[in-house]
């Protein structure tokens, strides 16, 4: 059973305070804001669109892997992919870059020198 996204027309998004929180397993300084939908990782259904923001200098220390599709668009700032556990190294990307990852793809770790905002779409295959 799929979880449909709600109908939402154009509306202002509070980019400062309201609705932002640190996702489970992420370090302080990385926050998400769900724009639409819901992803049920236990039942393996649904979809969501979210913004993910990194404060300047924040980094993760291990790769991520999950069982849903993920599309990521770097809206603003800088994002480095593949840093080590100390936040060193990796490949830096600038705005207007995109990734599409199938379930089971290892990715990261990530860091941002000056902060960034990502738009992400997560979804499970419909035929499962």
C-alpha atoms as a PDB file:
ATOM      1  CA  UNK A   1       0.000   0.000   0.000  1.00  0.00           C
ATOM      2  CA  UNK A   2       1.492   3.331  -1.077  1.00  0.00           C
ATOM      3  CA  UNK A   3       1.439   6.474   1.010  1.00  0.00           C
ATOM      4  CA  UNK A   4       0.360   9.368  -1.182  1.00  0.00           C
ATOM      5  CA  UNK A   5       1.660  12.886  -0.801  1.00  0.00           C
ATOM      6  CA  UNK A   6      -0.781  15.586   0.129  1.00  0.00           C
ATOM      7  CA  UNK A   7      -1.818  18.333  -2.296  1.00  0.00           C
ATOM      8  CA  UNK A   8       0.014  21.544  -1.477  1.00  0.00           C
ATOM      9  CA  UNK A   9      -0.082  24.748  -3.490  1.00  0.00           C
ATOM     10  CA  UNK A  10       2.671  27.369  -3.439  1.00  0.00           C
ATOM     11  CA  UNK A  11       3.344  28.587   0.072  1.00  0.00           C
ATOM     12  CA  UNK A  12       6.224  30.246   1.891  1.00  0.00           C
ATOM     13  CA  UNK A  13       8.784  27.956   3.562  1.00  0.00           C
ATOM     14  CA  UNK A  14      10.328  29.086   6.858  1.00  0.00           C
ATOM     15  CA  UNK A  15      14.014  28.588   6.160  1.00  0.00           C
ATOM     16  CA  UNK A  16      15.083  29.809   9.610  1.00  0.00           C
ATOM     17  CA  UNK A  17      13.336  28.050  12.491  1.00  0.00           C
ATOM     18  CA  UNK A  18       9.930  26.411  12.150  1.00  0.00           C
ATOM     19  CA  UNK A  19       9.814  22.688  11.352  1.00  0.00           C
ATOM     20  CA  UNK A  20      13.559  21.970  11.337  1.00  0.00           C
ATOM     21  CA  UNK A  21      14.932  19.069  13.396  1.00  0.00           C
ATOM     22  CA  UNK A  22      17.961  16.773  13.442  1.00  0.00           C
ATOM     23  CA  UNK A  23      17.095  13.380  11.888  1.00  0.00           C
ATOM     24  CA  UNK A  24      17.889  10.264  13.954  1.00  0.00           C
ATOM     25  CA  UNK A  25      21.504   9.181  13.477  1.00  0.00           C
ATOM     26  CA  UNK A  26      22.698  12.561  12.188  1.00  0.00           C
ATOM     27  CA  UNK A  27      25.105  14.853  14.056  1.00  0.00           C
ATOM     28  CA  UNK A  28      24.013  18.191  15.504  1.00  0.00           C
ATOM     29  CA  UNK A  29      24.263  20.858  12.833  1.00  0.00           C
ATOM     30  CA  UNK A  30      22.412  18.841  10.194  1.00  0.00           C
ATOM     31  CA  UNK A  31      18.663  19.392  10.117  1.00  0.00           C
ATOM     32  CA  UNK A  32      15.763  18.343   7.941  1.00  0.00           C
ATOM     33  CA  UNK A  33      12.448  19.938   7.095  1.00  0.00           C
ATOM     34  CA  UNK A  34       9.800  17.654   5.591  1.00  0.00           C
ATOM     35  CA  UNK A  35       8.025  19.467   2.752  1.00  0.00           C
ATOM     36  CA  UNK A  36       5.559  16.740   1.746  1.00  0.00           C
ATOM     37  CA  UNK A  37       4.813  13.064   2.165  1.00  0.00           C
ATOM     38  CA  UNK A  38       5.870  10.423   4.625  1.00  0.00           C
ATOM     39  CA  UNK A  39       8.335   7.555   4.348  1.00  0.00           C
ATOM     40  CA  UNK A  40       7.514   4.472   6.456  1.00  0.00           C
ATOM     41  CA  UNK A  41      10.872   2.697   6.669  1.00  0.00           C
ATOM     42  CA  UNK A  42       9.441  -0.162   8.733  1.00  0.00           C
ATOM     43  CA  UNK A  43       6.652  -1.033   6.256  1.00  0.00           C
ATOM     44  CA  UNK A  44       8.888   0.021   3.326  1.00  0.00           C
ATOM     45  CA  UNK A  45       6.285   2.246   1.695  1.00  0.00           C
ATOM     46  CA  UNK A  46       5.815   5.887   0.945  1.00  0.00           C
ATOM     47  CA  UNK A  47       7.727   8.880  -0.280  1.00  0.00           C
ATOM     48  CA  UNK A  48       8.840  12.213   1.062  1.00  0.00           C
ATOM     49  CA  UNK A  49      10.366  15.434  -0.125  1.00  0.00           C
ATOM     50  CA  UNK A  50      12.611  17.196   2.353  1.00  0.00           C
ATOM     51  CA  UNK A  51      15.168  19.922   2.707  1.00  0.00           C
ATOM     52  CA  UNK A  52      18.384  18.949   4.463  1.00  0.00           C
ATOM     53  CA  UNK A  53      20.722  21.670   5.667  1.00  0.00           C
ATOM     54  CA  UNK A  54      24.270  21.523   6.983  1.00  0.00           C
ATOM     55  CA  UNK A  55      25.680  24.239   9.202  1.00  0.00           C
ATOM     56  CA  UNK A  56      29.204  25.398   8.230  1.00  0.00           C
ATOM     57  CA  UNK A  57      31.932  22.901   9.135  1.00  0.00           C
ATOM     58  CA  UNK A  58      29.581  20.022   9.977  1.00  0.00           C
ATOM     59  CA  UNK A  59      30.402  16.540   8.684  1.00  0.00           C
ATOM     60  CA  UNK A  60      29.334  12.924   8.978  1.00  0.00           C
ATOM     61  CA  UNK A  61      31.881  10.192   9.691  1.00  0.00           C
ATOM     62  CA  UNK A  62      30.558   7.039   7.978  1.00  0.00           C
ATOM     63  CA  UNK A  63      28.834   6.155   4.702  1.00  0.00           C
ATOM     64  CA  UNK A  64      25.043   5.900   4.562  1.00  0.00           C
ATOM     65  CA  UNK A  65      23.026   3.075   3.008  1.00  0.00           C
ATOM     66  CA  UNK A  66      19.245   2.672   2.921  1.00  0.00           C
ATOM     67  CA  UNK A  67      16.630   0.561   1.183  1.00  0.00           C
ATOM     68  CA  UNK A  68      14.788   3.335  -0.699  1.00  0.00           C
ATOM     69  CA  UNK A  69      15.542   5.480  -3.731  1.00  0.00           C
ATOM     70  CA  UNK A  70      17.065   8.884  -3.081  1.00  0.00           C
ATOM     71  CA  UNK A  71      17.321  11.874  -5.388  1.00  0.00           C
ATOM     72  CA  UNK A  72      19.404  14.806  -4.143  1.00  0.00           C
ATOM     73  CA  UNK A  73      19.778  18.317  -5.573  1.00  0.00           C
ATOM     74  CA  UNK A  74      22.300  20.756  -4.081  1.00  0.00           C
ATOM     75  CA  UNK A  75      20.338  24.019  -3.890  1.00  0.00           C
ATOM     76  CA  UNK A  76      22.915  26.268  -2.245  1.00  0.00           C
ATOM     77  CA  UNK A  77      26.306  26.183  -0.552  1.00  0.00           C
ATOM     78  CA  UNK A  78      28.984  23.518  -0.880  1.00  0.00           C
ATOM     79  CA  UNK A  79      28.912  19.775  -0.242  1.00  0.00           C
ATOM     80  CA  UNK A  80      31.922  17.470  -0.034  1.00  0.00           C
ATOM     81  CA  UNK A  81      31.403  13.738  -0.582  1.00  0.00           C
ATOM     82  CA  UNK A  82      33.775  11.047   0.649  1.00  0.00           C
ATOM     83  CA  UNK A  83      35.557  12.773   3.516  1.00  0.00           C
ATOM     84  CA  UNK A  84      37.201  10.664   6.219  1.00  0.00           C
ATOM     85  CA  UNK A  85      36.154  10.355   9.884  1.00  0.00           C
ATOM     86  CA  UNK A  86      38.015  13.594  10.666  1.00  0.00           C
ATOM     87  CA  UNK A  87      36.221  15.536   7.936  1.00  0.00           C
ATOM     88  CA  UNK A  88      39.289  15.612   5.667  1.00  0.00           C
ATOM     89  CA  UNK A  89      39.428  14.887   1.935  1.00  0.00           C
ATOM     90  CA  UNK A  90      36.594  14.047  -0.437  1.00  0.00           C
ATOM     91  CA  UNK A  91      35.253  15.656  -3.617  1.00  0.00           C
ATOM     92  CA  UNK A  92      33.604  19.079  -3.388  1.00  0.00           C
ATOM     93  CA  UNK A  93      30.414  20.014  -5.245  1.00  0.00           C
ATOM     94  CA  UNK A  94      28.713  23.360  -5.829  1.00  0.00           C
ATOM     95  CA  UNK A  95      25.033  24.313  -6.362  1.00  0.00           C
ATOM     96  CA  UNK A  96      23.090  22.829  -9.253  1.00  0.00           C
ATOM     97  CA  UNK A  97      24.537  19.338  -8.872  1.00  0.00           C
ATOM     98  CA  UNK A  98      22.352  16.235  -8.603  1.00  0.00           C
ATOM     99  CA  UNK A  99      22.544  12.576  -7.562  1.00  0.00           C
ATOM    100  CA  UNK A 100      20.105   9.672  -7.944  1.00  0.00           C
ATOM    101  CA  UNK A 101      20.818   6.619  -5.788  1.00  0.00           C
ATOM    102  CA  UNK A 102      19.111   3.235  -5.922  1.00  0.00           C
ATOM    103  CA  UNK A 103      18.348   1.234  -2.778  1.00  0.00           C
ATOM    104  CA  UNK A 104      21.481  -0.320  -1.260  1.00  0.00           C
ATOM    105  CA  UNK A 105      23.934   2.259  -2.659  1.00  0.00           C
ATOM    106  CA  UNK A 106      26.600   3.321  -0.156  1.00  0.00           C
ATOM    107  CA  UNK A 107      27.190   7.101  -0.188  1.00  0.00           C
ATOM    108  CA  UNK A 108      29.030   9.653   1.889  1.00  0.00           C
ATOM    109  CA  UNK A 109      30.335  10.601   4.342  1.00  0.00           C
ATOM    110  CA  UNK A 110      29.464  14.259   3.758  1.00  0.00           C
ATOM    111  CA  UNK A 111      30.640  17.654   4.933  1.00  0.00           C
ATOM    112  CA  UNK A 112      30.040  21.296   4.141  1.00  0.00           C
ATOM    113  CA  UNK A 113      32.688  23.956   4.640  1.00  0.00           C
ATOM    114  CA  UNK A 114      30.329  26.940   4.420  1.00  0.00           C
ATOM    115  CA  UNK A 115      26.944  25.284   4.919  1.00  0.00           C
ATOM    116  CA  UNK A 116      24.474  24.029   2.335  1.00  0.00           C
ATOM    117  CA  UNK A 117      20.849  23.230   1.578  1.00  0.00           C
ATOM    118  CA  UNK A 118      19.875  20.044  -0.259  1.00  0.00           C
ATOM    119  CA  UNK A 119      16.471  19.092  -1.644  1.00  0.00           C
ATOM    120  CA  UNK A 120      15.900  15.345  -1.362  1.00  0.00           C
ATOM    121  CA  UNK A 121      13.185  13.011  -2.620  1.00  0.00           C
ATOM    122  CA  UNK A 122      12.999   9.541  -1.018  1.00  0.00           C
ATOM    123  CA  UNK A 123      10.711   6.746  -2.196  1.00  0.00           C
ATOM    124  CA  UNK A 124      10.224   2.994  -2.255  1.00  0.00           C
ATOM    125  CA  UNK A 125       9.608   1.047  -5.449  1.00  0.00           C
ATOM    126  CA  UNK A 126       5.863   0.836  -6.085  1.00  0.00           C
ATOM    127  CA  UNK A 127       5.896  -2.814  -7.207  1.00  0.00           C
ATOM    128  CA  UNK A 128       7.031  -4.270  -3.853  1.00  0.00           C
END
